[in-house]
Amino acid sequence: MTEFFYNLTTKQVEEGRKSPGDELMGPYATADEAKNALAKAEARNQAWDAEDREWEEG
């Protein structure tokens, strides 16, 4: 099965693991998922930050 990665350095999607792991996000099942890796991570971070605020406020 082919895996796709988002390269944080080049800002490109890679098919297969071609770059060092510390430069990659993934693996993802599709190139489209890899392309949207940063947006998905940002959305998760915002949700977690909101949960943290709610927990801290009691």
N, C-alpha and C. Protein backbone atom coordinates (compact mmCIF):
# COMPACT_ATOMS: atom_id res chain seq x y z
N MET A 1 0.84 -1.18 0.00
CA MET A 1 0.00 0.00 0.00
C MET A 1 0.89 1.25 0.00
N THR A 2 0.58 2.18 -0.86
CA THR A 2 1.35 3.41 -0.95
C THR A 2 1.00 4.33 0.20
N GLU A 3 2.02 4.95 0.77
CA GLU A 3 1.82 5.94 1.83
C GLU A 3 2.29 7.29 1.31
N PHE A 4 1.65 8.35 1.80
CA PHE A 4 1.99 9.70 1.41
C PHE A 4 2.40 10.49 2.65
N PHE A 5 3.32 11.42 2.45
CA PHE A 5 3.84 12.23 3.53
C PHE A 5 3.84 13.69 3.11
N TYR A 6 3.69 14.58 4.10
CA TYR A 6 3.83 16.01 3.84
C TYR A 6 5.20 16.43 4.34
N ASN A 7 6.01 17.01 3.46
CA ASN A 7 7.36 17.43 3.81
C ASN A 7 7.30 18.87 4.33
N LEU A 8 7.66 19.06 5.59
CA LEU A 8 7.60 20.37 6.23
C LEU A 8 8.65 21.33 5.67
N THR A 9 9.72 20.82 5.12
CA THR A 9 10.78 21.66 4.58
C THR A 9 10.44 22.16 3.18
N THR A 10 10.03 21.24 2.33
CA THR A 10 9.75 21.60 0.93
C THR A 10 8.30 22.03 0.71
N LYS A 11 7.44 21.74 1.68
CA LYS A 11 5.99 22.03 1.57
C LYS A 11 5.34 21.25 0.43
N GLN A 12 5.88 20.06 0.17
CA GLN A 12 5.38 19.21 -0.91
C GLN A 12 4.93 17.86 -0.35
N VAL A 13 4.02 17.22 -1.07
CA VAL A 13 3.59 15.87 -0.75
C VAL A 13 4.57 14.90 -1.40
N GLU A 14 4.96 13.89 -0.64
CA GLU A 14 5.87 12.86 -1.16
C GLU A 14 5.16 11.51 -1.16
N GLU A 15 5.34 10.76 -2.22
CA GLU A 15 4.83 9.40 -2.27
C GLU A 15 5.92 8.48 -1.76
N GLY A 16 5.67 7.86 -0.62
CA GLY A 16 6.68 7.04 0.02
C GLY A 16 7.60 7.90 0.88
N ARG A 17 8.36 7.22 1.73
CA ARG A 17 9.27 7.92 2.65
C ARG A 17 10.59 8.20 1.92
N LYS A 18 10.74 9.44 1.45
CA LYS A 18 11.94 9.82 0.69
C LYS A 18 12.86 10.74 1.49
N SER A 19 12.31 11.43 2.46
CA SER A 19 13.07 12.42 3.23
C SER A 19 13.23 11.95 4.67
N PRO A 20 14.12 12.59 5.42
CA PRO A 20 14.28 12.23 6.84
C PRO A 20 12.96 12.40 7.60
N GLY A 21 12.73 11.51 8.55
CA GLY A 21 11.49 11.50 9.29
C GLY A 21 11.17 12.78 10.03
N ASP A 22 12.21 13.52 10.46
CA ASP A 22 11.94 14.75 11.20
C ASP A 22 11.46 15.89 10.30
N GLU A 23 11.43 15.66 9.00
CA GLU A 23 10.92 16.65 8.05
C GLU A 23 9.51 16.30 7.56
N LEU A 24 8.97 15.17 8.04
CA LEU A 24 7.72 14.65 7.48
C LEU A 24 6.58 14.62 8.48
N MET A 25 5.37 14.79 7.95
CA MET A 25 4.14 14.48 8.68
C MET A 25 3.51 13.32 7.93
N GLY A 26 3.01 12.35 8.67
CA GLY A 26 2.39 11.22 8.02
C GLY A 26 2.82 9.93 8.66
N PRO A 27 2.43 8.84 8.12
CA PRO A 27 1.91 8.63 6.77
C PRO A 27 0.41 8.90 6.67
N TYR A 28 0.00 9.17 5.45
CA TYR A 28 -1.41 9.36 5.11
C TYR A 28 -1.78 8.38 4.00
N ALA A 29 -3.05 8.05 3.93
CA ALA A 29 -3.51 7.07 2.95
C ALA A 29 -3.58 7.65 1.54
N THR A 30 -3.80 8.96 1.44
CA THR A 30 -3.92 9.59 0.12
C THR A 30 -3.06 10.85 0.05
N ALA A 31 -2.76 11.26 -1.17
CA ALA A 31 -2.00 12.49 -1.37
C ALA A 31 -2.80 13.69 -0.89
N ASP A 32 -4.12 13.65 -1.05
CA ASP A 32 -4.97 14.76 -0.61
C ASP A 32 -4.92 14.92 0.90
N GLU A 33 -4.95 13.81 1.64
CA GLU A 33 -4.83 13.89 3.10
C GLU A 33 -3.49 14.50 3.49
N ALA A 34 -2.43 14.10 2.82
CA ALA A 34 -1.10 14.64 3.12
C ALA A 34 -1.05 16.13 2.81
N LYS A 35 -1.67 16.53 1.71
CA LYS A 35 -1.69 17.94 1.31
C LYS A 35 -2.34 18.81 2.37
N ASN A 36 -3.32 18.26 3.07
CA ASN A 36 -4.06 19.01 4.08
C ASN A 36 -3.55 18.77 5.50
N ALA A 37 -2.37 18.21 5.63
CA ALA A 37 -1.83 17.86 6.95
C ALA A 37 -1.71 19.05 7.88
N LEU A 38 -1.20 20.17 7.40
CA LEU A 38 -1.02 21.34 8.27
C LEU A 38 -2.36 21.92 8.71
N ALA A 39 -3.32 21.98 7.81
CA ALA A 39 -4.63 22.50 8.16
C ALA A 39 -5.31 21.62 9.21
N LYS A 40 -5.17 20.32 9.04
CA LYS A 40 -5.76 19.38 10.00
C LYS A 40 -5.09 19.51 11.37
N ALA A 41 -3.77 19.64 11.37
CA ALA A 41 -3.04 19.81 12.63
C ALA A 41 -3.45 21.11 13.32
N GLU A 42 -3.61 22.18 12.56
CA GLU A 42 -4.01 23.46 13.14
C GLU A 42 -5.41 23.37 13.74
N ALA A 43 -6.32 22.70 13.04
CA ALA A 43 -7.68 22.54 13.56
C ALA A 43 -7.68 21.74 14.85
N ARG A 44 -6.88 20.69 14.91
CA ARG A 44 -6.78 19.90 16.14
C ARG A 44 -6.19 20.73 17.28
N ASN A 45 -5.15 21.50 16.98
CA ASN A 45 -4.54 22.34 18.01
C ASN A 45 -5.54 23.35 18.56
N GLN A 46 -6.33 23.95 17.70
CA GLN A 46 -7.33 24.91 18.16
C GLN A 46 -8.37 24.23 19.04
N ALA A 47 -8.80 23.03 18.66
CA ALA A 47 -9.78 22.30 19.46
C ALA A 47 -9.20 21.94 20.82
N TRP A 48 -7.95 21.48 20.85
CA TRP A 48 -7.31 21.13 22.12
C TRP A 48 -7.12 22.36 23.00
N ASP A 49 -6.75 23.49 22.39
CA ASP A 49 -6.60 24.73 23.16
C ASP A 49 -7.93 25.13 23.79
N ALA A 50 -9.02 24.99 23.05
CA ALA A 50 -10.34 25.31 23.58
C ALA A 50 -10.70 24.37 24.73
N GLU A 51 -10.40 23.09 24.58
CA GLU A 51 -10.66 22.14 25.67
C GLU A 51 -9.83 22.48 26.90
N ASP A 52 -8.58 22.87 26.70
CA ASP A 52 -7.73 23.26 27.83
C ASP A 52 -8.31 24.47 28.55
N ARG A 53 -8.77 25.46 27.79
CA ARG A 53 -9.35 26.65 28.42
C ARG A 53 -10.59 26.29 29.23
N GLU A 54 -11.44 25.44 28.67
CA GLU A 54 -12.65 25.01 29.39
C GLU A 54 -12.28 24.28 30.67
N TRP A 55 -11.29 23.42 30.62
CA TRP A 55 -10.88 22.65 31.79
C TRP A 55 -10.29 23.59 32.85
N GLU A 56 -9.46 24.53 32.42
CA GLU A 56 -8.84 25.46 33.36
C GLU A 56 -9.85 26.38 34.02
N GLU A 57 -10.91 26.73 33.29
CA GLU A 57 -11.94 27.62 33.83
C GLU A 57 -12.92 26.87 34.72
N GLY A 58 -12.86 25.55 34.66
CA GLY A 58 -13.68 24.72 35.52
C GLY A 58 -15.06 24.56 35.04
